[in-house]
Protein backbone atom coordinates (compact mmCIF):
# COMPACT_ATOMS: atom_id res chain seq x y z
CA MET A 1 82.42 76.57 32.14
CA GLU A 2 78.76 76.05 33.24
CA ARG A 3 78.74 74.22 36.63
CA SER A 4 75.00 73.87 37.24
CA GLU A 5 74.66 70.61 35.33
CA THR A 6 74.13 67.54 37.46
CA SER A 7 76.86 65.51 35.88
CA ALA A 8 79.60 63.36 37.34
CA SER A 9 82.29 65.77 36.20
CA THR A 10 80.71 68.80 37.83
CA SER A 11 80.06 66.90 41.07
CA THR A 12 83.69 65.85 41.08
CA TRP A 13 84.72 69.46 40.60
CA LEU A 14 82.59 70.60 43.52
CA LEU A 15 83.93 67.86 45.75
CA GLY A 16 87.50 68.72 44.82
CA ALA A 17 86.98 72.43 45.44
CA LEU A 18 85.46 71.76 48.89
CA THR A 19 88.26 69.35 49.77
CA GLN A 20 90.92 71.94 48.93
CA LEU A 21 89.14 74.60 50.97
CA GLN A 22 88.79 72.32 53.98
CA ALA A 23 92.46 71.34 53.78
CA ARG A 24 93.56 74.99 53.70
CA PHE A 25 91.25 75.80 56.61
CA LEU A 26 92.65 72.95 58.72
CA GLN A 27 96.17 74.10 57.91
CA HIS A 28 95.78 77.85 58.47
CA ARG A 29 92.63 78.07 60.67
CA ASP A 30 91.64 81.27 58.85
CA ALA A 31 87.84 81.31 58.91
CA ARG A 32 87.55 84.56 56.94
CA ARG A 33 89.52 83.21 53.99
CA ALA A 34 87.62 79.92 54.16
CA LEU A 35 84.26 81.71 53.98
CA GLY A 36 85.56 83.90 51.14
CA GLY A 37 86.66 80.75 49.31
CA LEU A 38 83.24 79.14 49.82
CA LEU A 39 81.60 82.25 48.38
CA ALA A 40 83.83 81.91 45.31
CA VAL A 41 82.85 78.22 44.97
CA LEU A 42 79.15 79.08 45.26
CA ARG A 43 79.42 81.83 42.67
CA GLU A 44 81.43 79.74 40.21
CA TRP A 45 79.33 76.61 40.75
CA THR A 46 76.09 78.44 39.99
CA GLY A 47 77.51 80.77 37.33
CA SER A 48 76.43 83.84 39.34
CA ALA A 49 77.95 87.20 38.44
CA SER A 50 78.25 88.34 42.08
CA GLY A 51 77.16 87.63 45.59
CA PHE A 52 78.04 87.97 49.27
CA LEU A 53 78.13 85.87 52.44
CA GLY A 54 77.54 87.19 55.90
CA GLU A 55 77.05 86.30 59.55
CA PHE A 56 74.37 87.83 61.78
CA GLN A 57 75.81 89.35 64.93
CA ALA A 58 74.76 91.93 67.51
CA THR A 59 76.41 94.91 69.16
CA PRO A 60 76.88 94.99 72.96
CA GLU A 61 73.73 97.14 73.00
CA GLY A 62 71.77 94.35 71.27
CA VAL A 63 71.50 95.91 67.76
CA SER A 64 71.65 93.21 65.05
CA PHE A 65 73.79 93.59 61.91
CA LEU A 66 75.34 91.45 59.14
CA HIS A 67 79.10 90.87 58.94
CA LEU A 68 80.09 90.53 55.27
CA TYR A 69 82.86 88.12 54.16
CA THR A 70 84.53 88.75 50.80
CA GLU A 71 86.23 86.35 48.43
CA GLY A 72 89.64 87.83 49.22
CA GLY A 73 89.23 87.23 52.98
CA GLU A 74 89.61 90.91 53.86
CA THR A 75 88.34 92.32 57.16
CA PRO A 76 84.55 91.90 57.23
CA GLU A 77 82.30 94.89 56.67
CA ARG A 78 79.28 95.64 58.84
CA VAL A 79 75.84 96.00 57.20
CA ALA A 80 72.77 97.23 59.05
CA LEU A 81 69.71 95.01 58.60
CA GLU A 82 67.72 97.86 57.07
CA ASP A 83 70.39 98.12 54.35
CA LEU A 84 69.53 94.58 53.14
CA GLY A 85 66.40 95.91 51.44
CA PRO A 86 62.82 94.56 51.53
CA LEU A 87 63.55 91.14 49.99
CA LEU A 88 66.53 90.07 52.14
CA GLY A 89 65.69 92.01 55.30
CA GLY A 90 63.07 89.47 56.39
CA ILE A 91 65.34 86.40 56.22
CA PRO A 92 66.77 86.76 59.78
CA ARG A 93 63.20 86.84 61.10
CA THR A 94 61.46 84.24 58.89
CA GLY A 95 64.36 81.93 58.06
CA GLU A 96 62.87 81.45 54.59
CA ALA A 97 64.86 81.38 51.32
CA VAL A 98 64.25 84.11 48.74
CA LEU A 99 64.24 83.37 44.95
CA SER A 100 63.48 86.22 42.59
CA GLN A 101 63.95 86.48 38.83
CA GLU A 102 63.03 90.17 38.77
CA PRO A 103 63.93 91.67 42.18
CA GLY A 104 63.51 95.29 41.07
CA GLU A 105 63.07 97.71 43.97
CA GLY A 106 63.03 94.75 46.41
CA ALA A 107 66.81 94.48 46.02
CA ARG A 108 67.50 98.11 46.78
CA TRP A 109 70.55 97.88 49.08
CA GLY A 110 72.30 100.42 51.23
CA GLY A 111 75.52 100.78 53.15
CA PRO A 112 78.47 98.74 51.83
CA LEU A 113 76.07 96.86 49.50
CA ALA A 114 75.10 100.04 47.63
CA ALA A 115 78.12 99.59 45.34
CA HIS A 116 76.57 96.39 43.90
CA PRO A 117 74.70 96.99 40.65
CA PRO A 118 70.94 96.27 40.76
CA PRO A 119 70.58 92.48 40.30
CA ARG A 120 68.63 90.96 37.43
CA SER A 121 68.01 87.75 39.42
CA LEU A 122 68.58 86.96 43.12
CA LEU A 123 68.91 83.99 45.50
CA GLY A 124 69.00 84.53 49.27
CA LEU A 125 69.60 81.49 51.50
CA PRO A 126 69.55 81.46 55.33
CA LEU A 127 72.32 79.62 57.17
CA ARG A 128 70.92 77.87 60.23
CA VAL A 129 72.59 76.37 63.29
CA GLY A 130 69.79 74.59 65.05
CA PRO A 131 66.73 76.84 65.14
CA GLU A 132 68.79 80.03 64.88
CA VAL A 133 69.52 81.84 61.61
CA VAL A 134 73.22 82.67 61.97
CA GLY A 135 74.11 83.79 58.46
CA LEU A 136 73.06 84.57 54.93
CA VAL A 137 74.26 83.64 51.41
CA VAL A 138 73.20 85.89 48.53
CA LEU A 139 73.92 85.13 44.83
CA THR A 140 72.88 87.37 41.93
CA ASP A 141 72.68 87.56 38.14
CA ARG A 142 72.68 83.91 37.04
CA GLU A 143 71.71 83.95 33.38
CA GLU A 144 69.26 81.07 33.76
CA GLY A 145 67.90 82.43 37.04
CA TYR A 146 67.52 80.43 40.27
CA ASP A 147 65.20 77.55 41.16
CA ALA A 148 64.79 74.75 43.68
CA ARG A 149 67.18 72.48 41.76
CA VAL A 150 69.98 75.03 42.12
CA VAL A 151 69.24 75.43 45.82
CA ALA A 152 69.42 71.66 46.36
CA SER A 153 72.75 71.42 44.55
CA LEU A 154 74.27 73.97 46.92
CA GLU A 155 73.60 71.97 50.08
CA PRO A 156 77.19 70.51 50.49
CA VAL A 157 78.65 74.02 50.32
CA LEU A 158 76.01 75.43 52.68
CA VAL A 159 76.73 72.68 55.21
CA THR A 160 80.41 73.65 55.20
CA CYS A 161 79.44 77.33 55.63
CA ARG A 162 77.25 76.46 58.60
CA VAL A 163 80.01 74.38 60.25
CA ILE A 164 82.56 77.19 59.90
CA LEU A 165 80.13 79.81 61.17
CA GLN A 166 79.26 77.60 64.13
CA GLY A 167 82.96 77.19 64.89
CA LEU A 168 83.46 80.95 64.64
CA ARG A 169 80.62 81.60 67.07
CA GLU A 170 81.90 78.99 69.52
CA GLU A 171 85.40 80.44 69.36
CA ARG A 172 84.08 83.96 69.98
CA GLY A 173 82.03 82.62 72.87
CA ARG A 174 85.12 80.97 74.32
CA GLN A 175 87.14 84.17 73.89
CA ARG A 176 84.36 86.21 75.53
CA ALA A 177 84.26 83.74 78.41
CA GLU A 178 88.05 83.88 78.81
CA ALA A 179 88.00 87.67 78.61
CA GLY A 180 85.21 87.72 81.18
CA GLU A 181 87.21 85.44 83.46
CA ARG A 182 90.27 87.66 83.04
CA ARG A 183 88.24 90.77 83.81
CA TRP A 184 86.66 89.04 86.79
CA SER A 185 90.06 87.85 87.98
CA GLU A 186 91.55 91.33 87.58
CA SER A 187 88.56 92.92 89.30
CA PHE A 188 88.67 90.31 92.06
CA ARG A 189 92.38 90.90 92.58
CA ALA A 190 91.83 94.67 92.60
CA LEU A 191 89.02 94.19 95.12
CA LEU A 192 91.24 92.05 97.36
CA ASP A 193 94.11 94.52 97.07
CA ALA A 194 91.76 97.36 98.00
CA ALA A 195 90.36 95.46 100.99
CA PRO A 196 91.33 96.94 104.38
CA ASP A 197 92.13 93.47 105.76
CA ALA A 198 94.92 91.08 104.90
CA ILE A 199 93.75 88.19 102.69
CA LEU A 200 95.82 85.06 102.11
CA VAL A 201 94.75 82.16 99.92
CA HIS A 202 96.69 78.99 100.70
CA ARG A 203 96.59 75.40 99.53
CA GLU A 204 98.52 72.42 100.90
CA GLY A 205 100.57 74.71 103.12
CA ARG A 206 101.62 77.11 100.33
CA VAL A 207 100.42 80.65 99.63
CA VAL A 208 98.72 80.93 96.24
CA PHE A 209 97.59 84.55 96.63
CA ALA A 210 98.24 87.38 99.09
CA ASN A 211 97.01 90.94 98.83
CA ALA A 212 99.13 94.01 99.49
CA VAL A 213 97.80 94.41 103.04
CA ALA A 214 98.97 90.88 103.90
CA ALA A 215 102.46 91.66 102.63
CA ARG A 216 102.64 94.83 104.72
CA LEU A 217 101.28 93.05 107.79
CA VAL A 218 104.22 90.62 107.88
CA GLY A 219 106.80 93.07 106.54
CA GLN A 220 107.20 91.31 103.19
CA PRO A 221 109.18 93.43 100.65
CA GLU A 222 107.15 94.53 97.62
CA ASP A 223 109.61 92.90 95.22
CA VAL A 224 109.40 89.50 96.97
CA PRO A 225 106.06 87.81 96.24
CA MET A 226 104.46 85.74 99.00
CA GLU A 227 103.02 83.31 96.46
CA GLY A 228 104.70 79.92 96.68
CA GLN A 229 106.09 80.46 100.17
CA ARG A 230 105.16 78.28 103.16
CA PHE A 231 102.11 79.69 104.89
CA ALA A 232 103.46 78.53 108.28
CA ASP A 233 106.47 80.83 107.87
CA PHE A 234 104.22 83.83 108.54
CA VAL A 235 102.71 82.52 111.81
CA LEU A 236 104.29 81.77 115.19
CA PRO A 237 104.49 77.96 115.51
CA GLU A 238 102.45 77.78 118.72
CA ASP A 239 99.55 79.63 117.04
CA ALA A 240 99.50 77.58 113.82
CA ASP A 241 96.59 75.40 115.01
CA LEU A 242 94.43 78.54 115.32
CA LEU A 243 94.39 78.84 111.52
CA GLU A 244 92.13 75.85 110.99
CA PRO A 245 88.78 76.72 109.36
CA THR A 246 86.71 78.71 111.85
CA PRO A 247 83.25 77.40 112.80
CA ASP A 248 80.64 80.09 112.33
CA SER A 249 79.83 80.14 116.04
CA THR A 250 83.35 80.92 117.30
CA GLY A 251 84.19 84.06 115.32
CA PRO A 252 87.73 85.22 114.53
CA ARG A 253 90.71 84.05 116.58
CA GLU A 254 93.65 86.09 117.75
CA VAL A 255 96.85 84.86 116.10
CA ARG A 256 100.40 86.13 116.50
CA LEU A 257 102.09 86.60 113.15
CA ARG A 258 105.77 86.36 112.33
CA HIS A 259 107.05 89.74 111.08
CA ARG A 260 110.17 89.91 108.93
CA LEU A 261 111.68 92.49 111.31
CA ALA A 262 110.65 90.52 114.43
CA LEU A 263 107.98 93.10 115.32
CA ARG A 264 105.07 91.99 117.47
CA VAL A 265 101.97 91.61 115.27
CA VAL A 266 98.60 90.35 116.50
CA ALA A 267 95.70 89.75 114.11
CA GLU A 268 92.13 88.53 114.32
CA VAL A 269 91.93 85.73 111.74
CA SER A 270 88.98 83.91 110.21
CA THR A 271 89.69 80.95 107.94
CA VAL A 272 87.20 79.32 105.55
CA SER A 273 87.47 76.44 103.08
CA LEU A 274 86.33 76.95 99.49
CA LEU A 275 87.15 76.12 95.89
CA PHE A 276 89.73 78.37 94.23
CA ASP A 277 90.66 77.68 90.60
CA GLY A 278 88.55 74.54 90.96
CA GLN A 279 90.65 73.13 93.81
CA PRO A 280 90.04 72.93 97.58
CA THR A 281 91.64 75.97 99.16
CA ARG A 282 91.68 77.84 102.45
CA VAL A 283 91.25 81.59 102.68
CA SER A 284 92.44 83.40 105.80
CA ILE A 285 91.23 86.96 106.42
CA ALA A 286 93.33 88.78 109.01
CA ARG A 287 92.62 92.12 110.67
CA ASP A 288 95.53 93.83 112.39
CA VAL A 289 94.62 94.37 116.06
CA THR A 290 98.14 95.08 117.30
CA GLY A 291 97.31 98.70 118.09
CA ARG A 292 94.08 97.74 119.79
CA ARG A 293 95.85 95.14 121.91
CA GLN A 294 98.44 97.71 122.94
CA GLU A 295 95.68 100.14 123.93
CA GLN A 296 93.96 97.39 125.94
CA GLU A 297 97.21 96.60 127.72
CA GLN A 298 97.68 100.29 128.50
CA LEU A 299 94.15 100.44 129.90
CA ARG A 300 94.83 97.35 132.03
CA ALA A 301 98.07 98.89 133.26
CA THR A 302 96.22 102.12 134.07
CA GLU A 303 93.60 100.21 136.03
CA ARG A 304 96.32 98.33 137.88
CA MET A 305 97.93 101.61 138.84
CA VAL A 306 94.57 102.99 139.97
CA SER A 307 94.02 99.87 142.09
CA LEU A 308 97.51 100.15 143.55
CA GLY A 309 96.86 103.80 144.34
CA THR A 310 93.62 102.82 146.10
CA LEU A 311 95.45 100.16 148.11
CA ALA A 312 98.59 102.20 148.76
CA ALA A 313 97.59 103.37 152.24
CA GLY A 314 96.52 99.90 153.34
CA VAL A 315 99.64 98.26 151.90
CA ALA A 316 101.85 100.87 153.57
CA HIS A 317 100.10 100.13 156.87
CA GLU A 318 100.54 96.38 156.36
CA ILE A 319 104.26 96.84 155.75
CA ASN A 320 104.66 99.41 158.52
CA ASN A 321 103.33 97.09 161.26
CA PRO A 322 105.90 94.30 160.82
CA LEU A 323 108.62 96.88 160.14
CA SER A 324 107.83 98.60 163.45
CA TYR A 325 108.21 95.51 165.61
CA LEU A 326 111.06 94.30 163.39
CA LEU A 327 113.02 97.50 164.13
CA SER A 328 111.98 97.49 167.79
CA ASN A 329 113.06 93.88 168.29
CA LEU A 330 116.34 94.35 166.45
CA ARG A 331 117.09 97.44 168.58
CA PHE A 332 116.28 95.41 171.73
CA VAL A 333 118.52 92.53 170.57
CA ASP A 334 121.35 94.96 169.81
CA GLU A 335 121.13 96.59 173.24
CA GLU A 336 120.78 93.29 175.12
CA LEU A 337 123.69 91.66 173.33
CA ALA A 338 125.90 94.68 174.05
CA SER A 339 124.92 94.61 177.75
CA MET A 340 125.41 90.82 178.02
CA ARG A 341 128.78 91.07 176.33
CA GLU A 342 129.92 93.71 178.81
CA ALA A 343 128.59 91.60 181.75
CA GLY A 344 130.08 88.39 180.34
CA GLU A 345 126.69 86.64 180.40
CA ALA A 346 125.90 83.61 178.17
CA LEU A 347 122.80 83.31 175.91
CA THR A 348 121.53 80.33 177.90
CA GLY A 349 119.91 82.39 180.63
CA GLU A 350 116.61 84.27 180.86
CA ARG A 351 117.95 87.27 178.96
CA GLY A 352 119.25 84.95 176.26
CA ARG A 353 115.78 83.42 175.77
CA GLU A 354 114.28 86.92 175.44
CA VAL A 355 116.84 87.78 172.77
CA CYS A 356 115.97 84.59 170.80
CA GLU A 357 112.26 85.34 171.01
CA ALA A 358 112.88 88.86 169.74
CA LEU A 359 114.88 87.44 166.82
CA HIS A 360 112.07 84.99 165.96
CA GLU A 361 109.55 87.85 165.95
CA ALA A 362 111.85 89.90 163.74
CA LEU A 363 112.16 86.96 161.35
CA ALA A 364 108.36 86.61 161.22
CA GLY A 365 108.12 90.32 160.43
CA THR A 366 110.52 89.98 157.52
CA HIS A 367 108.45 87.06 156.18
CA ARG A 368 105.36 89.22 156.36
CA VAL A 369 107.03 92.04 154.42
CA ARG A 370 108.33 89.50 151.90
CA ASP A 371 104.80 88.12 151.39
CA ILE A 372 103.34 91.58 150.85
CA VAL A 373 106.03 92.43 148.29
CA ARG A 374 105.47 89.08 146.56
CA ASP A 375 101.74 89.77 146.30
CA LEU A 376 102.47 93.19 144.86
CA LYS A 377 104.76 91.67 142.24
CA THR A 378 102.18 89.03 141.31
CA PHE A 379 99.59 91.72 140.80
CA SER A 380 101.70 94.33 139.04
CA ARG A 381 103.80 92.25 136.64
CA ASP A 382 102.84 92.46 132.98
CA SER A 383 103.46 88.97 131.58
CA GLU A 384 100.38 88.96 129.36
CA ASP A 385 101.63 86.16 127.14
CA SER A 386 102.53 83.86 130.03
CA VAL A 387 100.16 80.92 130.48
CA GLU A 388 100.90 78.53 133.30
CA SER A 389 99.28 76.15 135.74
CA VAL A 390 97.72 78.45 138.35
CA ASP A 391 96.42 77.72 141.86
CA VAL A 392 93.20 79.74 141.97
CA CYS A 393 92.96 79.65 145.77
CA GLY A 394 96.56 80.84 146.06
CA VAL A 395 95.82 83.80 143.77
CA LEU A 396 92.70 84.60 145.83
CA ASP A 397 94.74 84.56 149.05
CA SER A 398 97.30 86.95 147.54
CA CYS A 399 94.50 89.29 146.46
CA VAL A 400 92.92 89.14 149.93
CA ASN A 401 96.28 90.12 151.42
CA MET A 402 96.52 93.02 148.99
CA ALA A 403 92.97 94.22 149.68
CA TRP A 404 93.09 93.58 153.43
CA GLY A 405 93.58 97.26 154.24
CA GLU A 406 90.25 97.97 152.51
CA ILE A 407 88.40 94.97 153.95
CA ARG A 408 89.33 94.69 157.62
CA HIS A 409 87.63 97.89 158.84
CA ARG A 410 84.41 97.24 156.91
CA ALA A 411 83.55 93.53 157.13
CA LEU A 412 84.56 90.09 158.31
CA LEU A 413 86.09 87.89 155.59
CA GLU A 414 84.79 84.36 155.08
CA LYS A 415 86.54 81.79 152.89
CA ASP A 416 84.84 78.70 151.56
CA TYR A 417 87.37 77.13 149.20
CA GLY A 418 86.19 73.93 147.60
CA VAL A 419 88.66 71.54 145.96
CA VAL A 420 89.32 72.88 142.48
CA PRO A 421 91.87 71.88 139.83
CA ARG A 422 94.64 74.20 138.69
CA LEU A 423 93.85 76.44 135.74
CA GLU A 424 95.75 77.01 132.52
CA ALA A 425 95.78 80.80 132.85
CA ASN A 426 97.79 83.95 133.50
CA ALA A 427 98.24 84.54 137.26
CA SER A 428 98.64 88.32 136.88
CA ARG A 429 95.39 88.64 134.94
CA LEU A 430 93.53 86.46 137.44
CA GLY A 431 94.92 88.62 140.24
CA GLN A 432 93.70 91.77 138.53
CA ILE A 433 90.19 90.30 138.22
CA PHE A 434 89.89 89.04 141.80
CA LEU A 435 91.52 92.09 143.39
CA ASN A 436 89.15 94.42 141.57
CA LEU A 437 86.12 92.40 142.71
CA LEU A 438 87.38 92.26 146.33
CA VAL A 439 88.02 96.01 146.48
CA ASN A 440 84.60 96.71 144.92
CA ALA A 441 83.01 94.42 147.52
CA ALA A 442 84.75 96.31 150.33
CA HIS A 443 83.78 99.70 148.92
CA ALA A 444 80.13 98.58 148.70
CA ILE A 445 80.05 98.26 152.53
CA PRO A 446 79.95 101.47 154.58
CA HIS A 447 82.27 101.94 157.55
CA GLY A 448 80.94 101.43 161.07
CA ASP A 449 79.60 97.89 161.36
CA ARG A 450 82.48 95.49 160.77
CA GLU A 451 80.95 92.69 162.85
CA GLY A 452 77.62 92.94 161.06
CA ASN A 453 78.95 92.73 157.49
CA ARG A 454 80.51 89.91 155.50
CA ILE A 455 82.58 89.41 152.40
CA HIS A 456 82.31 85.76 151.38
CA VAL A 457 84.80 84.21 148.92
CA SER A 458 84.11 80.70 147.61
CA THR A 459 85.33 78.31 144.93
CA HIS A 460 83.92 75.12 143.49
CA HIS A 461 84.42 72.83 140.47
CA GLU A 462 81.72 71.73 138.04
CA GLU A 463 82.12 69.85 134.72
CA GLY A 464 85.48 71.22 133.63
CA LEU A 465 84.82 74.69 135.02
CA VAL A 466 86.10 76.52 138.08
CA VAL A 467 83.58 78.91 139.65
CA VAL A 468 84.77 81.74 141.92
CA ALA A 469 82.07 83.71 143.78
CA ILE A 470 82.66 86.93 145.74
CA ARG A 471 79.63 88.00 147.77
CA ASP A 472 79.24 91.10 149.90
CA SER A 473 76.51 92.36 152.24
CA GLY A 474 76.82 95.91 150.97
CA VAL A 475 74.34 98.42 149.58
CA GLY A 476 73.62 96.46 146.40
CA ILE A 477 73.12 97.71 142.84
CA SER A 478 69.92 99.14 141.37
CA PRO A 479 68.25 97.13 138.55
CA GLU A 480 68.74 99.98 136.05
CA ASN A 481 72.51 99.94 136.67
CA LEU A 482 73.02 96.17 136.54
CA GLY A 483 73.02 96.09 132.74
CA LYS A 484 75.66 98.84 132.54
CA LEU A 485 78.21 97.49 135.00
CA PHE A 486 80.56 96.11 132.36
CA HIS A 487 80.36 99.14 130.07
CA PRO A 488 83.61 101.12 129.83
CA PHE A 489 83.70 104.25 132.01
CA PHE A 490 80.46 103.43 133.84
CA THR A 491 80.77 103.65 137.62
CA THR A 492 78.44 103.96 140.61
CA LYS A 493 81.19 105.45 142.75
CA PRO A 494 81.32 109.18 143.53
CA VAL A 495 83.18 111.47 141.13
CA GLY A 496 86.93 111.13 141.59
CA GLN A 497 86.74 107.70 143.22
CA GLY A 498 86.47 105.44 140.20
CA THR A 499 87.60 105.26 136.57
CA GLY A 500 84.74 103.08 135.35
CA LEU A 501 87.29 100.77 133.72
CA GLY A 502 87.69 98.08 136.38
CA LEU A 503 84.68 95.86 135.66
CA SER A 504 84.95 96.45 131.90
CA ILE A 505 88.55 95.23 131.96
CA CYS A 506 87.56 92.29 134.19
CA HIS A 507 84.88 91.32 131.68
CA ASN A 508 87.37 91.51 128.77
CA LEU A 509 89.99 89.49 130.66
CA VAL A 510 87.54 86.76 131.65
CA THR A 511 86.16 86.56 128.10
CA ALA A 512 89.69 86.36 126.67
CA MET A 513 90.30 83.33 128.92
CA GLY A 514 87.24 81.60 127.45
CA GLY A 515 85.17 82.24 130.57
CA ARG A 516 82.26 84.42 131.65
CA ILE A 517 81.43 86.78 134.50
CA GLY A 518 77.98 87.46 135.92
CA VAL A 519 76.41 89.47 138.71
CA ASP A 520 73.34 89.21 140.96
CA SER A 521 72.35 92.02 143.27
CA VAL A 522 69.52 93.19 145.50
CA GLU A 523 69.49 96.76 146.75
CA GLY A 524 70.06 96.90 150.49
CA GLN A 525 71.12 93.22 150.70
CA GLY A 526 74.34 92.92 148.73
CA THR A 527 75.93 91.72 145.49
CA THR A 528 77.48 88.50 144.20
CA PHE A 529 79.93 88.33 141.31
CA ARG A 530 80.60 84.91 139.75
CA VAL A 531 83.62 84.23 137.57
CA VAL A 532 83.42 80.98 135.60
CA LEU A 533 86.65 79.80 133.95
CA PRO A 534 87.49 76.65 131.93
CA VAL A 535 90.07 74.35 133.49
CA LYS A 536 91.66 73.70 130.08
CA ARG A 537 92.42 76.65 127.92
CA PRO A 538 90.16 76.50 124.80
CA ALA A 539 92.04 75.92 121.54
CA SER A 540 90.34 78.97 119.99
CA ILE A 541 91.86 81.30 122.60
CA SER A 542 95.13 82.87 121.53
CA ARG A 543 98.08 82.36 123.81
C-alpha cells in the first residue's frame, strides 16, 4: 500500500505505528530495536526499497565513524566515513540533506554498505541534536523519487529518532562518567593502599575508609574491616583531642594509638576536613614514629649515662664525705657507750652530751646521703610519659647538687630564683636539660680561679612562660660554632670528652614540651643559655 499520500488514513497509520514503537521502547528500553523499528516505518511510509539509519560516534583516538542500526535490532555495524561515498560523506560536516534521483557514482559505498545494490534514487537526512549532527537516515529506490514534500512528511519520525539518539548519547555519557568514577575510585584506593603512611577517613566518629597500612598499624586482622568501627577505639582516650583538624602552622601531632595486642604505638598524625562522597569528612594521615621514639629514648638514656659517668667522681666524693663522719661518729658513739656502761655513767653528763651531738651529726650525714640518692633517682628515672606539676626551682636545686662536684672547684654559684608557677612537665626530662647545661657551664670555666668565676642560675615568669637562665663566665663560644651547638654529634670539647648529643637532646626535649632554648655568647666573657617553657602544657603536645 502506498503511504506517501497526505490523507487522513495514512496519517492515522503513521501515528499508530509511532505509538506502538514508543510503547515497546518504554516497556523494553531497547534503543537498538526502537531505531530498527523506526527505520522500518520510514521505509514503509515512503515506499522505499531499502535504507539504513546510523549514529555518528568517535573512537577513543578521535576517529569518527557511523554506527548502523538494522530493522531487526541486531548489533550495530561500524562504517568509516569514507565508505559513505561522495554524496553522503559530506552530511556530517555540512548538515545538509541530500536528494538525488540519479545518484550514480556518488552513491558508491564501501565497507558494510557495499552489499547494498546501487540505488536508483536516494534521500539522505541529517539527524541533529542542537547544532550537532548526531546521526543519519538514508532511504533508497522510491519509485516516484524523493522531494521536499516527502522530507516534510517524515518529520514526526525524525523527531522520534533524534530523541532516542539523544537518550542513547546521554546514557553512554552517564555510563562513561560512572566508569570514570569507578576507575578513579579504584585508582584512588590503590594509591591510598600503596601509600607508606596510614590513612583513615572518618565521619561522625566512624571509619569510612582505612588503607592497609592503617590496619597494620593498629594490629587489625586482614579479615576484619575497619570500616564502620568507632574511630576512637583506635586511639588512647587521653590523646583523642589531638585528632582535631590540624592548623597549617602547627604541623603533625604525636598521638598514641591503641594496638589490638596492647603494643605501644606512637604516630605523627595530621587531620584535615574535606568533602568525601559529597559529605563533610575528616582524613587523618598517620606516620608510625614508634621506632624513632625508641631510638630517641635510647639516645637520651645514653646521654644520661654519659652525664652520670662525668659526675661519678663528684657524686662519690659527695657521698664519701658524710659517710666518713657518719662512720666516725657511730664508732665514737659505740666506744663511748661501751665505756660509760662499764663505768655505770648516765647520759646526762658531759660525755652523754658528746654522744648525742655525735648522733645528730650522724643523722645529718644520713640525710645528706639520702638527698644525693634522691637526686640521682630523679635524674636517672625513665618515666617519659609522666606529666605532673613540677617545681622548677626544686629541680634546679637537685641538678645543682648533682653537678656540685664539677662546679665547686671552678666557680662560685649564684642563685636568683624569682617567683615562678609550677609547670606541667616531666621532672626527669627537666632535670636532664638543666643538669646538662650546668655541667657544660662548669666545663667552660678552667680550673684555678674559683673566686673570680661565676655560674649564675636565675628564674622568672613572664606572660604564661617560665624562663630559666644559666650564665657562666667561661671561655665563651665562637660565632661560627654558635649555629651548630644544637646539631647532633657537634661538640667543642676535646676528643673523648663529649658525645655531641647533650645540647641536641636538650633542644629536642625543650621543643617537645612546647618551649624553646636559645644561647648568647661572647668569646672570653662567657655564655648564657635560656630555656623558655609554657606554664600550661600546649594541647598540641602529646602526653
